[in-house]
C-alpha atoms as a PDB file:
ATOM      1  CA  MET A   1      -5.823  19.306   7.879  1.00  0.00           C
ATOM      2  CA  SER A   2      -2.227  20.506   8.171  1.00  0.00           C
ATOM      3  CA  GLU A   3      -1.461  23.570   6.126  1.00  0.00           C
ATOM      4  CA  VAL A   4       1.168  22.979   3.459  1.00  0.00           C
ATOM      5  CA  VAL A   5       3.188  26.151   3.000  1.00  0.00           C
ATOM      6  CA  GLU A   6       5.704  24.880   0.482  1.00  0.00           C
ATOM      7  CA  CYS A   7       5.877  22.120  -2.112  1.00  0.00           C
ATOM      8  CA  PRO A   8       7.587  19.000  -0.725  1.00  0.00           C
ATOM      9  CA  GLN A   9       9.398  18.509  -4.044  1.00  0.00           C
ATOM     10  CA  CYS A  10      10.468  21.905  -5.463  1.00  0.00           C
ATOM     11  CA  GLY A  11      10.012  24.129  -2.398  1.00  0.00           C
ATOM     12  CA  ALA A  12       7.688  26.597  -4.143  1.00  0.00           C
ATOM     13  CA  THR A  13       5.281  28.531  -1.935  1.00  0.00           C
ATOM     14  CA  THR A  14       1.804  27.024  -2.096  1.00  0.00           C
ATOM     15  CA  GLN A  15      -1.525  28.660  -2.811  1.00  0.00           C
ATOM     16  CA  ASN A  16      -4.337  28.468  -0.227  1.00  0.00           C
ATOM     17  CA  SER A  17      -6.186  25.147  -0.274  1.00  0.00           C
ATOM     18  CA  SER A  18      -4.124  23.847  -3.190  1.00  0.00           C
ATOM     19  CA  ARG A  19      -3.370  20.125  -3.211  1.00  0.00           C
ATOM     20  CA  THR A  20      -0.908  20.221  -6.113  1.00  0.00           C
ATOM     21  CA  CYS A  21       2.130  22.390  -6.784  1.00  0.00           C
ATOM     22  CA  LEU A  22       1.468  24.964  -9.494  1.00  0.00           C
ATOM     23  CA  TYR A  23       5.084  24.688 -10.683  1.00  0.00           C
ATOM     24  CA  CYS A  24       6.226  21.057 -10.569  1.00  0.00           C
ATOM     25  CA  LYS A  25       2.708  19.518 -10.313  1.00  0.00           C
ATOM     26  CA  ALA A  26       3.692  17.365  -7.299  1.00  0.00           C
ATOM     27  CA  GLU A  27       0.831  16.215  -5.086  1.00  0.00           C
ATOM     28  CA  PHE A  28       1.006  17.435  -1.487  1.00  0.00           C
ATOM     29  CA  PHE A  29      -0.837  14.402  -0.109  1.00  0.00           C
ATOM     30  CA  VAL A  30       0.057  11.038  -1.630  1.00  0.00           C
ATOM     31  CA  THR A  31      -2.571   8.284  -1.697  1.00  0.00           C
ATOM     32  CA  SER A  32      -0.794   5.391  -3.432  1.00  0.00           C
ATOM     33  CA  VAL A  33       2.621   3.896  -4.064  1.00  0.00           C
ATOM     34  CA  ALA A  34       1.728   4.000  -7.759  1.00  0.00           C
ATOM     35  CA  TYR A  35       2.139   7.777  -7.569  1.00  0.00           C
ATOM     36  CA  LEU A  36       5.373   7.545  -5.557  1.00  0.00           C
ATOM     37  CA  ALA A  37       6.881   5.146  -8.104  1.00  0.00           C
ATOM     38  CA  SER A  38       7.561   8.062 -10.426  1.00  0.00           C
ATOM     39  CA  PHE A  39       9.992   9.575  -7.900  1.00  0.00           C
ATOM     40  CA  ASP A  40      13.611   8.613  -7.300  1.00  0.00           C
ATOM     41  CA  THR A  41      15.052   8.097  -3.814  1.00  0.00           C
ATOM     42  CA  THR A  42      15.676  11.830  -3.409  1.00  0.00           C
ATOM     43  CA  GLY A  43      12.038  12.604  -4.248  1.00  0.00           C
ATOM     44  CA  ILE A  44      10.808   9.989  -1.775  1.00  0.00           C
ATOM     45  CA  GLN A  45      13.121  11.432   0.888  1.00  0.00           C
ATOM     46  CA  LYS A  46      11.636  14.883   0.265  1.00  0.00           C
ATOM     47  CA  TYR A  47       8.136  13.488   0.762  1.00  0.00           C
ATOM     48  CA  LEU A  48       9.269  11.612   3.858  1.00  0.00           C
ATOM     49  CA  LYS A  49      10.708  14.804   5.379  1.00  0.00           C
ATOM     50  CA  HIS A  50       7.491  16.661   4.430  1.00  0.00           C
ATOM     51  CA  TYR A  51       5.250  14.105   6.170  1.00  0.00           C
ATOM     52  CA  LEU A  52       7.441  13.770   9.249  1.00  0.00           C
ATOM     53  CA  LYS A  53       7.265  17.536   9.681  1.00  0.00           C
ATOM     54  CA  LEU A  54       3.493  17.639   9.167  1.00  0.00           C
ATOM     55  CA  THR A  55       2.811  14.731  11.553  1.00  0.00           C
ATOM     56  CA  LYS A  56       4.802  16.508  14.271  1.00  0.00           C
ATOM     57  CA  ILE A  57       2.634  19.594  13.788  1.00  0.00           C
ATOM     58  CA  SER A  58      -0.600  17.621  13.506  1.00  0.00           C
ATOM     59  CA  PRO A  59      -0.186  14.029  14.769  1.00  0.00           C
ATOM     60  CA  ASP A  60      -3.895  13.234  14.313  1.00  0.00           C
ATOM     61  CA  ASN A  61      -3.892  14.118  10.617  1.00  0.00           C
ATOM     62  CA  VAL A  62      -4.651  10.822   8.876  1.00  0.00           C
ATOM     63  CA  GLU A  63      -3.861  12.206   5.429  1.00  0.00           C
ATOM     64  CA  CYS A  64      -0.305  13.010   6.534  1.00  0.00           C
ATOM     65  CA  ARG A  65       0.078   9.619   8.189  1.00  0.00           C
ATOM     66  CA  ILE A  66      -1.035   7.855   5.011  1.00  0.00           C
ATOM     67  CA  GLY A  67       1.585   9.735   3.013  1.00  0.00           C
ATOM     68  CA  LEU A  68       4.236   8.903   5.598  1.00  0.00           C
ATOM     69  CA  ALA A  69       3.288   5.214   5.666  1.00  0.00           C
ATOM     70  CA  LEU A  70       3.263   4.997   1.856  1.00  0.00           C
ATOM     71  CA  CYS A  71       6.759   6.506   1.728  1.00  0.00           C
ATOM     72  CA  TYR A  72       7.893   3.824   4.165  1.00  0.00           C
ATOM     73  CA  VAL A  73       6.312   1.098   2.005  1.00  0.00           C
ATOM     74  CA  GLN A  74       7.923   2.496  -1.144  1.00  0.00           C
ATOM     75  CA  GLN A  75      11.307   2.440   0.570  1.00  0.00           C
ATOM     76  CA  GLY A  76      10.808  -1.072   1.942  1.00  0.00           C
ATOM     77  CA  LEU A  77      10.725   0.156   5.559  1.00  0.00           C
ATOM     78  CA  TYR A  78       7.932  -2.237   6.453  1.00  0.00           C
ATOM     79  CA  SER A  79       8.115  -2.143  10.258  1.00  0.00           C
ATOM     80  CA  GLN A  80       7.699   1.658  10.253  1.00  0.00           C
ATOM     81  CA  ALA A  81       4.922   1.391   7.654  1.00  0.00           C
ATOM     82  CA  LEU A  82       3.117  -1.248   9.716  1.00  0.00           C
ATOM     83  CA  LYS A  83       3.239   0.973  12.801  1.00  0.00           C
ATOM     84  CA  GLU A  84       1.743   3.883  10.838  1.00  0.00           C
ATOM     85  CA  PHE A  85      -1.001   1.788   9.210  1.00  0.00           C
ATOM     86  CA  LYS A  86      -2.066   0.458  12.618  1.00  0.00           C
ATOM     87  CA  ILE A  87      -2.454   4.066  13.823  1.00  0.00           C
ATOM     88  CA  ILE A  88      -4.330   5.042  10.646  1.00  0.00           C
ATOM     89  CA  ILE A  89      -6.734   2.104  10.933  1.00  0.00           C
ATOM     90  CA  ASP A  90      -7.360   2.832  14.627  1.00  0.00           C
ATOM     91  CA  GLU A  91      -8.122   6.493  13.871  1.00  0.00           C
ATOM     92  CA  SER A  92      -9.912   6.050  10.519  1.00  0.00           C
ATOM     93  CA  PRO A  93     -11.057   2.463   9.934  1.00  0.00           C
ATOM     94  CA  ASP A  94     -12.924   3.468   6.769  1.00  0.00           C
ATOM     95  CA  ILE A  95      -9.863   3.851   4.487  1.00  0.00           C
ATOM     96  CA  GLY A  96      -9.577   0.654   2.451  1.00  0.00           C
ATOM     97  CA  LEU A  97      -6.089   1.174   1.065  1.00  0.00           C
ATOM     98  CA  SER A  98      -4.706   1.198   4.618  1.00  0.00           C
ATOM     99  CA  TYR A  99      -5.695  -2.444   5.063  1.00  0.00           C
ATOM    100  CA  TYR A 100      -4.078  -3.450   1.770  1.00  0.00           C
ATOM    101  CA  TYR A 101      -0.795  -1.672   2.450  1.00  0.00           C
ATOM    102  CA  LYS A 102      -0.811  -2.940   6.029  1.00  0.00           C
ATOM    103  CA  SER A 103      -0.902  -6.437   4.536  1.00  0.00           C
ATOM    104  CA  LEU A 104       2.130  -5.713   2.352  1.00  0.00           C
ATOM    105  CA  SER A 105       3.860  -4.387   5.461  1.00  0.00           C
ATOM    106  CA  ILE A 106       3.108  -7.603   7.347  1.00  0.00           C
ATOM    107  CA  ILE A 107       4.604  -9.669   4.520  1.00  0.00           C
ATOM    108  CA  ALA A 108       7.641  -7.357   4.545  1.00  0.00           C
ATOM    109  CA  GLY A 109       9.417  -8.783   1.504  1.00  0.00           C
ATOM    110  CA  ARG A 110       9.261 -12.386   2.691  1.00  0.00           C
ATOM    111  CA  ARG A 111       8.195 -15.505   0.813  1.00  0.00           C
ATOM    112  CA  VAL A 112       4.442 -15.863   1.299  1.00  0.00           C
ATOM    113  CA  MET A 113       4.649 -19.591   2.038  1.00  0.00           C
ATOM    114  CA  SER A 114       6.901 -18.841   5.040  1.00  0.00           C
ATOM    115  CA  LEU A 115       4.351 -16.650   6.818  1.00  0.00           C
ATOM    116  CA  ASN A 116       2.690 -18.046   9.892  1.00  0.00           C
ATOM    117  CA  LEU A 117      -1.038 -18.807   9.929  1.00  0.00           C
ATOM    118  CA  LYS A 118      -1.822 -15.901  12.247  1.00  0.00           C
ATOM    119  CA  GLU A 119      -0.213 -13.464   9.776  1.00  0.00           C
ATOM    120  CA  VAL A 120      -2.070 -15.021   6.841  1.00  0.00           C
ATOM    121  CA  ARG A 121      -5.398 -14.793   8.652  1.00  0.00           C
ATOM    122  CA  GLU A 122      -4.739 -11.136   9.453  1.00  0.00           C
ATOM    123  CA  ILE A 123      -3.861 -10.439   5.803  1.00  0.00           C
ATOM    124  CA  GLU A 124      -7.038 -12.173   4.623  1.00  0.00           C
ATOM    125  CA  GLU A 125      -9.061 -10.120   7.092  1.00  0.00           C
ATOM    126  CA  ASN A 126      -7.348  -6.948   5.882  1.00  0.00           C
ATOM    127  CA  ILE A 127      -8.202  -7.805   2.269  1.00  0.00           C
ATOM    128  CA  ARG A 128     -11.844  -8.420   3.262  1.00  0.00           C
ATOM    129  CA  HIS A 129     -11.972  -5.000   4.951  1.00  0.00           C
ATOM    130  CA  ALA A 130     -10.306  -3.263   2.005  1.00  0.00           C
ATOM    131  CA  THR A 131     -12.682  -4.932  -0.459  1.00  0.00           C
ATOM    132  CA  ALA A 132     -15.727  -4.089   1.642  1.00  0.00           C
ATOM    133  CA  LEU A 133     -14.670  -0.441   1.665  1.00  0.00           C
ATOM    134  CA  ASP A 134     -13.269  -0.028  -1.862  1.00  0.00           C
ATOM    135  CA  GLY A 135     -14.814  -2.821  -3.913  1.00  0.00           C
ATOM    136  CA  LEU A 136     -12.875  -5.390  -5.911  1.00  0.00           C
ATOM    137  CA  LYS A 137      -9.671  -3.502  -6.626  1.00  0.00           C
ATOM    138  CA  PRO A 138      -7.363  -5.623  -8.776  1.00  0.00           C
ATOM    139  CA  GLN A 139      -4.380  -5.339  -6.422  1.00  0.00           C
ATOM    140  CA  TYR A 140      -6.491  -6.582  -3.501  1.00  0.00           C
ATOM    141  CA  GLN A 141      -7.655  -9.582  -5.531  1.00  0.00           C
ATOM    142  CA  LEU A 142      -4.153 -10.295  -6.790  1.00  0.00           C
ATOM    143  CA  LEU A 143      -2.738 -10.323  -3.254  1.00  0.00           C
ATOM    144  CA  LEU A 144      -5.481 -12.719  -2.162  1.00  0.00           C
ATOM    145  CA  ALA A 145      -4.762 -15.018  -5.139  1.00  0.00           C
ATOM    146  CA  ILE A 146      -1.068 -15.051  -4.199  1.00  0.00           C
ATOM    147  CA  ILE A 147      -1.954 -15.936  -0.588  1.00  0.00           C
ATOM    148  CA  LYS A 148      -4.254 -18.759  -1.739  1.00  0.00           C
ATOM    149  CA  HIS A 149      -1.590 -20.206  -4.032  1.00  0.00           C
ATOM    150  CA  ASP A 150       1.727 -19.602  -2.328  1.00  0.00           C
ATOM    151  CA  TYR A 151       0.593 -20.097   1.239  1.00  0.00           C
ATOM    152  CA  TYR A 152      -2.242 -22.606   1.185  1.00  0.00           C
ATOM    153  CA  LEU A 153      -1.540 -24.628  -1.979  1.00  0.00           C
ATOM    154  CA  THR A 154       2.254 -24.635  -1.653  1.00  0.00           C
ATOM    155  CA  ASN A 155       2.052 -25.694   1.999  1.00  0.00           C
ATOM    156  CA  GLY A 156      -0.440 -28.482   1.142  1.00  0.00           C
ATOM    157  CA  MET A 157      -3.282 -26.904   3.086  1.00  0.00           C
ATOM    158  CA  LYS A 158      -6.986 -26.896   2.341  1.00  0.00           C
ATOM    159  CA  ILE A 159      -8.077 -23.907   0.260  1.00  0.00           C
ATOM    160  CA  CYS A 160     -11.472 -22.437   1.045  1.00  0.00           C
ATOM    161  CA  PRO A 161     -13.244 -21.061  -2.029  1.00  0.00           C
ATOM    162  CA  PRO A 162     -12.563 -19.147  -4.083  1.00  0.00           C
ATOM    163  CA  THR A 163      -9.377 -20.735  -5.415  1.00  0.00           C
ATOM    164  CA  TYR A 164      -6.488 -18.630  -6.651  1.00  0.00           C
ATOM    165  CA  SER A 165      -7.385 -19.382 -10.298  1.00  0.00           C
ATOM    166  CA  GLU A 166     -11.007 -18.326  -9.719  1.00  0.00           C
ATOM    167  CA  ILE A 167      -9.794 -15.067  -8.207  1.00  0.00           C
ATOM    168  CA  LEU A 168      -7.417 -14.454 -11.126  1.00  0.00           C
ATOM    169  CA  ASN A 169     -10.291 -14.997 -13.580  1.00  0.00           C
ATOM    170  CA  GLU A 170     -12.301 -12.283 -11.799  1.00  0.00           C
ATOM    171  CA  ILE A 171      -9.582  -9.615 -11.893  1.00  0.00           C
ATOM    172  CA  ASN A 172     -10.171  -6.627 -14.149  1.00  0.00           C
ATOM    173  CA  TRP A 173      -6.607  -6.530 -15.490  1.00  0.00           C
ATOM    174  CA  LYS A 174      -7.147  -3.234 -17.325  1.00  0.00           C
ATOM    175  CA  ASN A 175      -7.560  -1.498 -13.954  1.00  0.00           C
ATOM    176  CA  LEU A 176      -4.375  -2.918 -12.425  1.00  0.00           C
ATOM    177  CA  ASP A 177      -1.780  -0.157 -12.195  1.00  0.00           C
ATOM    178  CA  VAL A 178       1.706  -1.233 -13.328  1.00  0.00           C
ATOM    179  CA  ASN A 179       3.345   0.615 -10.441  1.00  0.00           C
ATOM    180  CA  GLU A 180       1.069  -1.102  -7.906  1.00  0.00           C
ATOM    181  CA  THR A 181       2.036  -4.453  -9.446  1.00  0.00           C
ATOM    182  CA  THR A 182       5.717  -3.549  -9.211  1.00  0.00           C
ATOM    183  CA  ARG A 183       5.358  -2.631  -5.512  1.00  0.00           C
ATOM    184  CA  LEU A 184       3.437  -5.847  -4.845  1.00  0.00           C
ATOM    185  CA  LYS A 185       6.238  -7.877  -6.456  1.00  0.00           C
ATOM    186  CA  GLN A 186       8.839  -6.018  -4.387  1.00  0.00           C
ATOM    187  CA  SER A 187       6.878  -6.521  -1.163  1.00  0.00           C
ATOM    188  CA  LEU A 188       6.718 -10.311  -1.294  1.00  0.00           C
ATOM    189  CA  LYS A 189       8.454 -13.309  -2.771  1.00  0.00           C
ATOM    190  CA  VAL A 190       6.990 -16.143  -4.799  1.00  0.00           C
ATOM    191  CA  PRO A 191       8.942 -18.529  -7.057  1.00  0.00           C
ATOM    192  CA  ASP A 192       7.128 -17.545 -10.256  1.00  0.00           C
ATOM    193  CA  PHE A 193       5.007 -14.446 -10.737  1.00  0.00           C
ATOM    194  CA  LYS A 194       3.963 -15.729 -14.193  1.00  0.00           C
ATOM    195  CA  ILE A 195       1.474 -18.007 -12.422  1.00  0.00           C
ATOM    196  CA  PHE A 196      -0.381 -14.825 -11.480  1.00  0.00           C
ATOM    197  CA  ASN A 197      -0.186 -13.234 -14.956  1.00  0.00           C
ATOM    198  CA  ILE A 198       2.239 -10.541 -13.770  1.00  0.00           C
END
């Protein structure tokens, strides 16, 4: 692991083996866009600079790469995020969130119905991998429901079970983070998110 010598947010000197700043409470290694959502553009830029520096020092550090890729996702820089998630998955294929965020990076803010079949198949495969590794996380299920509805149903294609409504009925809505939902909505386009209860 790369040694963090100063907080990426406030610049305070860090304590040995600490993962959180003692002063501003910022995490040194980010693991979700839900966490990044609480930061403004300046805060994201600080994290981005932090991870770029750490990946230059230690390019094989997956934890740094995840933080870097998540910053790219949060900023809507999907091509850079996709590149990073491919590296992460090649080096550490056992991190479920990488497959989910790679899928958002493939969609890259586009309307789901306009994706090509190859992209949709890759996204479905990514969701299967993420679910196998992390279980039925609500954001994974929600993305799959959106794919089933806005790609298959909207384009008049056959939908293999489960249907989008069956998936929605299985989601544990209490465990769906509002910031993850916000990022999901910013990462893709559908005509009406109300269909998906969000």
